[in-house]
All heavy atoms as atom14 arrays in JSON, in Angstrom:
{
  "sequence": "SNAVKHNPPGITISVTLTRVNDQACIRVLDNGKG",
  "atom14_mask": [
    [1, 1, 1, 1, 1, 1, 0, 0, 0, 0, 0, 0, 0, 0],
    [1, 1, 1, 1, 1, 1, 1, 1, 0, 0, 0, 0, 0, 0],
    [1, 1, 1, 1, 1, 0, 0, 0, 0, 0, 0, 0, 0, 0],
    [1, 1, 1, 1, 1, 1, 1, 0, 0, 0, 0, 0, 0, 0],
    [1, 1, 1, 1, 1, 1, 1, 1, 1, 0, 0, 0, 0, 0],
    [1, 1, 1, 1, 1, 1, 1, 1, 1, 1, 0, 0, 0, 0],
    [1, 1, 1, 1, 1, 1, 1, 1, 0, 0, 0, 0, 0, 0],
    [1, 1, 1, 1, 1, 1, 1, 0, 0, 0, 0, 0, 0, 0],
    [1, 1, 1, 1, 1, 1, 1, 0, 0, 0, 0, 0, 0, 0],
    [1, 1, 1, 1, 0, 0, 0, 0, 0, 0, 0, 0, 0, 0],
    [1, 1, 1, 1, 1, 1, 1, 1, 0, 0, 0, 0, 0, 0],
    [1, 1, 1, 1, 1, 1, 1, 0, 0, 0, 0, 0, 0, 0],
    [1, 1, 1, 1, 1, 1, 1, 1, 0, 0, 0, 0, 0, 0],
    [1, 1, 1, 1, 1, 1, 0, 0, 0, 0, 0, 0, 0, 0],
    [1, 1, 1, 1, 1, 1, 1, 0, 0, 0, 0, 0, 0, 0],
    [1, 1, 1, 1, 1, 1, 1, 0, 0, 0, 0, 0, 0, 0],
    [1, 1, 1, 1, 1, 1, 1, 1, 0, 0, 0, 0, 0, 0],
    [1, 1, 1, 1, 1, 1, 1, 0, 0, 0, 0, 0, 0, 0],
    [1, 1, 1, 1, 1, 1, 1, 1, 1, 1, 1, 0, 0, 0],
    [1, 1, 1, 1, 1, 1, 1, 0, 0, 0, 0, 0, 0, 0],
    [1, 1, 1, 1, 1, 1, 1, 1, 0, 0, 0, 0, 0, 0],
    [1, 1, 1, 1, 1, 1, 1, 1, 0, 0, 0, 0, 0, 0],
    [1, 1, 1, 1, 1, 1, 1, 1, 1, 0, 0, 0, 0, 0],
    [1, 1, 1, 1, 1, 0, 0, 0, 0, 0, 0, 0, 0, 0],
    [1, 1, 1, 1, 1, 1, 0, 0, 0, 0, 0, 0, 0, 0],
    [1, 1, 1, 1, 1, 1, 1, 1, 0, 0, 0, 0, 0, 0],
    [1, 1, 1, 1, 1, 1, 1, 1, 1, 1, 1, 0, 0, 0],
    [1, 1, 1, 1, 1, 1, 1, 0, 0, 0, 0, 0, 0, 0],
    [1, 1, 1, 1, 1, 1, 1, 1, 0, 0, 0, 0, 0, 0],
    [1, 1, 1, 1, 1, 1, 1, 1, 0, 0, 0, 0, 0, 0],
    [1, 1, 1, 1, 1, 1, 1, 1, 0, 0, 0, 0, 0, 0],
    [1, 1, 1, 1, 0, 0, 0, 0, 0, 0, 0, 0, 0, 0],
    [1, 1, 1, 1, 1, 1, 1, 1, 1, 0, 0, 0, 0, 0],
    [1, 1, 1, 1, 0, 0, 0, 0, 0, 0, 0, 0, 0, 0]
  ],
  "atom14_positions": [
    [[-3.95, 3.27, -3.35], [-5.23, 2.83, -2.71], [-5.84, 3.99, -1.93], [-7.11, 4.11, -1.9], [-4.98, 1.61, -1.85], [-4.13, 2.03, -0.73], [0.0, 0.0, 0.0], [0.0, 0.0, 0.0], [0.0, 0.0, 0.0], [0.0, 0.0, 0.0], [0.0, 0.0, 0.0], [0.0, 0.0, 0.0], [0.0, 0.0, 0.0], [0.0, 0.0, 0.0]],
    [[-5.02, 4.85, -1.32], [-5.55, 6.02, -0.63], [-6.29, 6.91, -1.56], [-7.35, 7.42, -1.22], [-4.42, 6.71, 0.1], [-4.92, 7.84, 0.99], [-5.43, 7.57, 2.0], [-4.72, 9.09, 0.53], [0.0, 0.0, 0.0], [0.0, 0.0, 0.0], [0.0, 0.0, 0.0], [0.0, 0.0, 0.0], [0.0, 0.0, 0.0], [0.0, 0.0, 0.0]],
    [[-5.74, 7.1, -2.79], [-6.39, 7.97, -3.78], [-7.72, 7.34, -4.27], [-8.67, 8.09, -4.52], [-5.5, 8.17, -4.97], [0.0, 0.0, 0.0], [0.0, 0.0, 0.0], [0.0, 0.0, 0.0], [0.0, 0.0, 0.0], [0.0, 0.0, 0.0], [0.0, 0.0, 0.0], [0.0, 0.0, 0.0], [0.0, 0.0, 0.0], [0.0, 0.0, 0.0]],
    [[-7.83, 6.02, -4.3], [-9.02, 5.38, -4.74], [-10.08, 5.37, -3.64], [-11.26, 5.64, -3.88], [-8.75, 3.91, -5.18], [-10.02, 3.14, -5.45], [-7.88, 3.9, -6.43], [0.0, 0.0, 0.0], [0.0, 0.0, 0.0], [0.0, 0.0, 0.0], [0.0, 0.0, 0.0], [0.0, 0.0, 0.0], [0.0, 0.0, 0.0], [0.0, 0.0, 0.0]],
    [[-9.67, 5.09, -2.39], [-10.6, 4.96, -1.3], [-11.31, 6.25, -0.97], [-12.48, 6.29, -0.63], [-9.89, 4.46, -0.01], [-9.45, 3.04, -0.09], [-8.72, 2.71, 1.19], [-8.16, 1.26, 1.15], [-7.4, 0.89, 2.37], [0.0, 0.0, 0.0], [0.0, 0.0, 0.0], [0.0, 0.0, 0.0], [0.0, 0.0, 0.0], [0.0, 0.0, 0.0]],
    [[-10.56, 7.36, -1.05], [-11.09, 8.63, -0.57], [-11.66, 9.5, -1.74], [-11.85, 10.71, -1.44], [-10.0, 9.4, 0.18], [-9.54, 8.69, 1.4], [-10.27, 8.72, 2.59], [-8.49, 7.85, 1.67], [-9.64, 8.03, 3.52], [-8.58, 7.45, 2.94], [0.0, 0.0, 0.0], [0.0, 0.0, 0.0], [0.0, 0.0, 0.0], [0.0, 0.0, 0.0]],
    [[-11.84, 8.96, -2.92], [-12.34, 9.73, -4.02], [-13.42, 8.92, -4.75], [-13.37, 7.71, -4.84], [-11.23, 10.09, -5.03], [-10.31, 11.14, -4.42], [-10.72, 12.21, -4.11], [-9.03, 10.77, -4.29], [0.0, 0.0, 0.0], [0.0, 0.0, 0.0], [0.0, 0.0, 0.0], [0.0, 0.0, 0.0], [0.0, 0.0, 0.0], [0.0, 0.0, 0.0]],
    [[-14.4, 9.63, -5.35], [-15.45, 8.93, -6.09], [-14.94, 8.4, -7.43], [-13.88, 8.87, -7.93], [-16.5, 10.02, -6.26], [-15.72, 11.32, -6.27], [-14.59, 11.1, -5.32], [0.0, 0.0, 0.0], [0.0, 0.0, 0.0], [0.0, 0.0, 0.0], [0.0, 0.0, 0.0], [0.0, 0.0, 0.0], [0.0, 0.0, 0.0], [0.0, 0.0, 0.0]],
    [[-15.65, 7.53, -8.07], [-15.22, 7.01, -9.42], [-15.2, 8.18, -10.43], [-15.9, 9.2, -10.26], [-16.33, 6.0, -9.75], [-16.89, 5.57, -8.46], [-16.84, 6.77, -7.57], [0.0, 0.0, 0.0], [0.0, 0.0, 0.0], [0.0, 0.0, 0.0], [0.0, 0.0, 0.0], [0.0, 0.0, 0.0], [0.0, 0.0, 0.0], [0.0, 0.0, 0.0]],
    [[-14.4, 7.97, -11.48], [-14.27, 8.97, -12.52], [-13.13, 9.9, -12.4], [-12.86, 10.73, -13.34], [0.0, 0.0, 0.0], [0.0, 0.0, 0.0], [0.0, 0.0, 0.0], [0.0, 0.0, 0.0], [0.0, 0.0, 0.0], [0.0, 0.0, 0.0], [0.0, 0.0, 0.0], [0.0, 0.0, 0.0], [0.0, 0.0, 0.0], [0.0, 0.0, 0.0]],
    [[-12.34, 9.86, -11.34], [-11.22, 10.78, -11.17], [-10.01, 10.25, -11.91], [-9.97, 9.05, -12.3], [-10.84, 10.96, -9.67], [-10.29, 9.67, -9.13], [-12.02, 11.49, -8.87], [-9.58, 9.86, -7.78], [0.0, 0.0, 0.0], [0.0, 0.0, 0.0], [0.0, 0.0, 0.0], [0.0, 0.0, 0.0], [0.0, 0.0, 0.0], [0.0, 0.0, 0.0]],
    [[-9.03, 11.05, -12.12], [-7.78, 10.68, -12.78], [-6.67, 10.72, -11.75], [-6.52, 11.68, -11.0], [-7.47, 11.65, -13.94], [-8.52, 11.61, -14.89], [-6.13, 11.25, -14.63], [0.0, 0.0, 0.0], [0.0, 0.0, 0.0], [0.0, 0.0, 0.0], [0.0, 0.0, 0.0], [0.0, 0.0, 0.0], [0.0, 0.0, 0.0], [0.0, 0.0, 0.0]],
    [[-5.86, 9.7, -11.75], [-4.71, 9.57, -10.83], [-3.46, 9.49, -11.67], [-3.28, 8.52, -12.48], [-4.82, 8.28, -9.92], [-6.12, 8.34, -9.12], [-3.62, 8.19, -9.0], [-6.43, 7.08, -8.38], [0.0, 0.0, 0.0], [0.0, 0.0, 0.0], [0.0, 0.0, 0.0], [0.0, 0.0, 0.0], [0.0, 0.0, 0.0], [0.0, 0.0, 0.0]],
    [[-2.58, 10.52, -11.48], [-1.34, 10.61, -12.33], [-0.16, 10.36, -11.45], [-0.05, 10.89, -10.32], [-1.26, 12.0, -12.96], [-2.36, 12.25, -13.77], [0.0, 0.0, 0.0], [0.0, 0.0, 0.0], [0.0, 0.0, 0.0], [0.0, 0.0, 0.0], [0.0, 0.0, 0.0], [0.0, 0.0, 0.0], [0.0, 0.0, 0.0], [0.0, 0.0, 0.0]],
    [[0.74, 9.51, -11.96], [1.98, 9.23, -11.25], [3.16, 9.6, -12.18], [3.23, 9.19, -13.34], [2.09, 7.72, -10.88], [3.41, 7.41, -10.18], [0.91, 7.34, -10.07], [0.0, 0.0, 0.0], [0.0, 0.0, 0.0], [0.0, 0.0, 0.0], [0.0, 0.0, 0.0], [0.0, 0.0, 0.0], [0.0, 0.0, 0.0], [0.0, 0.0, 0.0]],
    [[4.13, 10.4, -11.61], [5.32, 10.79, -12.38], [6.57, 10.45, -11.58], [6.61, 10.44, -10.37], [5.29, 12.3, -12.67], [5.33, 13.01, -11.45], [4.07, 12.72, -13.49], [0.0, 0.0, 0.0], [0.0, 0.0, 0.0], [0.0, 0.0, 0.0], [0.0, 0.0, 0.0], [0.0, 0.0, 0.0], [0.0, 0.0, 0.0], [0.0, 0.0, 0.0]],
    [[7.62, 10.14, -12.35], [8.93, 9.81, -11.71], [10.0, 10.6, -12.44], [10.15, 10.48, -13.66], [9.22, 8.31, -11.82], [10.58, 7.86, -11.34], [10.76, 8.18, -9.85], [10.81, 6.38, -11.61], [0.0, 0.0, 0.0], [0.0, 0.0, 0.0], [0.0, 0.0, 0.0], [0.0, 0.0, 0.0], [0.0, 0.0, 0.0], [0.0, 0.0, 0.0]],
    [[10.73, 11.4, -11.73], [11.81, 12.21, -12.31], [13.06, 12.1, -11.44], [13.03, 11.73, -10.29], [11.38, 13.68, -12.43], [11.07, 14.2, -11.14], [10.22, 13.87, -13.38], [0.0, 0.0, 0.0], [0.0, 0.0, 0.0], [0.0, 0.0, 0.0], [0.0, 0.0, 0.0], [0.0, 0.0, 0.0], [0.0, 0.0, 0.0], [0.0, 0.0, 0.0]],
    [[14.18, 12.45, -12.07], [15.47, 12.48, -11.38], [15.93, 13.93, -11.31], [16.05, 14.59, -12.36], [16.5, 11.62, -12.08], [17.88, 11.6, -11.4], [18.88, 10.9, -12.29], [20.19, 10.82, -11.56], [20.67, 9.71, -11.05], [19.99, 8.57, -11.07], [21.84, 9.67, -10.45], [0.0, 0.0, 0.0], [0.0, 0.0, 0.0], [0.0, 0.0, 0.0]],
    [[16.23, 14.44, -10.11], [16.71, 15.82, -9.9], [18.0, 15.71, -9.15], [18.03, 15.33, -7.94], [15.68, 16.62, -9.1], [16.24, 18.06, -8.92], [14.33, 16.68, -9.84], [0.0, 0.0, 0.0], [0.0, 0.0, 0.0], [0.0, 0.0, 0.0], [0.0, 0.0, 0.0], [0.0, 0.0, 0.0], [0.0, 0.0, 0.0], [0.0, 0.0, 0.0]],
    [[19.1, 16.03, -9.85], [20.44, 15.89, -9.25], [20.68, 14.48, -8.75], [20.6, 13.53, -9.55], [20.63, 16.94, -8.13], [20.56, 18.37, -8.65], [20.93, 18.62, -9.78], [20.05, 19.27, -7.82], [0.0, 0.0, 0.0], [0.0, 0.0, 0.0], [0.0, 0.0, 0.0], [0.0, 0.0, 0.0], [0.0, 0.0, 0.0], [0.0, 0.0, 0.0]],
    [[20.87, 14.31, -7.48], [21.12, 12.95, -6.92], [19.9, 12.41, -6.21], [20.02, 11.59, -5.31], [22.33, 12.97, -6.05], [23.63, 13.26, -6.75], [23.69, 12.88, -7.92], [24.57, 13.8, -6.12], [0.0, 0.0, 0.0], [0.0, 0.0, 0.0], [0.0, 0.0, 0.0], [0.0, 0.0, 0.0], [0.0, 0.0, 0.0], [0.0, 0.0, 0.0]],
    [[18.75, 12.91, -6.59], [17.49, 12.46, -5.92], [16.44, 12.0, -6.9], [16.37, 12.54, -8.02], [16.93, 13.6, -5.02], [17.82, 13.99, -3.86], [17.24, 15.08, -3.02], [16.69, 16.02, -3.62], [17.41, 15.02, -1.72], [0.0, 0.0, 0.0], [0.0, 0.0, 0.0], [0.0, 0.0, 0.0], [0.0, 0.0, 0.0], [0.0, 0.0, 0.0]],
    [[15.63, 11.01, -6.45], [14.57, 10.54, -7.29], [13.24, 11.15, -6.69], [13.04, 11.08, -5.5], [14.47, 9.03, -7.33], [0.0, 0.0, 0.0], [0.0, 0.0, 0.0], [0.0, 0.0, 0.0], [0.0, 0.0, 0.0], [0.0, 0.0, 0.0], [0.0, 0.0, 0.0], [0.0, 0.0, 0.0], [0.0, 0.0, 0.0], [0.0, 0.0, 0.0]],
    [[12.39, 11.7, -7.55], [11.13, 12.32, -7.1], [9.95, 11.6, -7.67], [9.8, 11.48, -8.92], [11.15, 13.77, -7.54], [9.73, 14.7, -6.97], [0.0, 0.0, 0.0], [0.0, 0.0, 0.0], [0.0, 0.0, 0.0], [0.0, 0.0, 0.0], [0.0, 0.0, 0.0], [0.0, 0.0, 0.0], [0.0, 0.0, 0.0], [0.0, 0.0, 0.0]],
    [[9.08, 11.11, -6.78], [7.81, 10.44, -7.17], [6.67, 11.37, -6.8], [6.56, 11.84, -5.64], [7.68, 9.1, -6.49], [8.83, 8.18, -6.73], [6.33, 8.44, -6.93], [8.86, 6.92, -5.91], [0.0, 0.0, 0.0], [0.0, 0.0, 0.0], [0.0, 0.0, 0.0], [0.0, 0.0, 0.0], [0.0, 0.0, 0.0], [0.0, 0.0, 0.0]],
    [[5.74, 11.65, -7.8], [4.59, 12.47, -7.52], [3.34, 11.64, -7.87], [3.25, 11.09, -8.94], [4.63, 13.75, -8.34], [5.63, 14.77, -7.91], [5.5, 16.08, -8.65], [6.39, 17.1, -8.15], [7.63, 17.25, -8.54], [8.14, 16.45, -9.5], [8.4, 18.23, -8.06], [0.0, 0.0, 0.0], [0.0, 0.0, 0.0], [0.0, 0.0, 0.0]],
    [[2.41, 11.64, -6.87], [1.09, 10.95, -7.05], [-0.01, 12.08, -6.94], [-0.12, 12.61, -5.85], [0.88, 9.86, -6.03], [-0.51, 9.2, -6.25], [1.98, 8.81, -6.15], [0.0, 0.0, 0.0], [0.0, 0.0, 0.0], [0.0, 0.0, 0.0], [0.0, 0.0, 0.0], [0.0, 0.0, 0.0], [0.0, 0.0, 0.0], [0.0, 0.0, 0.0]],
    [[-0.69, 12.35, -8.06], [-1.6, 13.49, -8.14], [-2.95, 12.98, -8.55], [-3.12, 12.17, -9.51], [-1.07, 14.51, -9.16], [-1.98, 15.7, -9.46], [-2.14, 16.59, -8.22], [-1.4, 16.51, -10.6], [0.0, 0.0, 0.0], [0.0, 0.0, 0.0], [0.0, 0.0, 0.0], [0.0, 0.0, 0.0], [0.0, 0.0, 0.0], [0.0, 0.0, 0.0]],
    [[-4.02, 13.46, -7.84], [-5.4, 13.14, -8.25], [-6.2, 14.44, -8.26], [-5.81, 15.45, -7.64], [-6.04, 12.13, -7.27], [-6.26, 12.65, -5.88], [-7.08, 13.61, -5.71], [-5.54, 12.14, -4.94], [0.0, 0.0, 0.0], [0.0, 0.0, 0.0], [0.0, 0.0, 0.0], [0.0, 0.0, 0.0], [0.0, 0.0, 0.0], [0.0, 0.0, 0.0]],
    [[-7.32, 14.39, -9.01], [-8.19, 15.56, -9.1], [-9.48, 15.35, -8.37], [-10.55, 15.81, -8.83], [-8.43, 15.92, -10.56], [-9.06, 14.71, -11.32], [-9.2, 13.68, -10.76], [-9.48, 14.97, -12.57], [0.0, 0.0, 0.0], [0.0, 0.0, 0.0], [0.0, 0.0, 0.0], [0.0, 0.0, 0.0], [0.0, 0.0, 0.0], [0.0, 0.0, 0.0]],
    [[-9.41, 14.67, -7.23], [-10.6, 14.31, -6.51], [-11.03, 15.34, -5.53], [-10.91, 16.55, -5.7], [0.0, 0.0, 0.0], [0.0, 0.0, 0.0], [0.0, 0.0, 0.0], [0.0, 0.0, 0.0], [0.0, 0.0, 0.0], [0.0, 0.0, 0.0], [0.0, 0.0, 0.0], [0.0, 0.0, 0.0], [0.0, 0.0, 0.0], [0.0, 0.0, 0.0]],
    [[-11.6, 14.84, -4.37], [-12.18, 15.77, -3.36], [-11.18, 16.67, -2.65], [-11.48, 17.75, -2.22], [-12.86, 14.92, -2.29], [-14.08, 14.15, -2.79], [-14.66, 13.36, -1.6], [-15.86, 12.56, -2.01], [-16.43, 11.83, -0.85], [0.0, 0.0, 0.0], [0.0, 0.0, 0.0], [0.0, 0.0, 0.0], [0.0, 0.0, 0.0], [0.0, 0.0, 0.0]],
    [[-9.94, 16.19, -2.54], [-8.96, 16.9, -1.72], [-9.24, 16.76, -0.26], [-10.09, 15.93, 0.19], [0.0, 0.0, 0.0], [0.0, 0.0, 0.0], [0.0, 0.0, 0.0], [0.0, 0.0, 0.0], [0.0, 0.0, 0.0], [0.0, 0.0, 0.0], [0.0, 0.0, 0.0], [0.0, 0.0, 0.0], [0.0, 0.0, 0.0], [0.0, 0.0, 0.0]]
  ]
}
């Protein structure tokens, strides 16, 4: 919701989930205003 609220329509929001050793890594990336 933070990515939607603070960026104009038309942006792309990418979510990735990976496992590194004994840790889980979640990345939420957008190409908005920054």
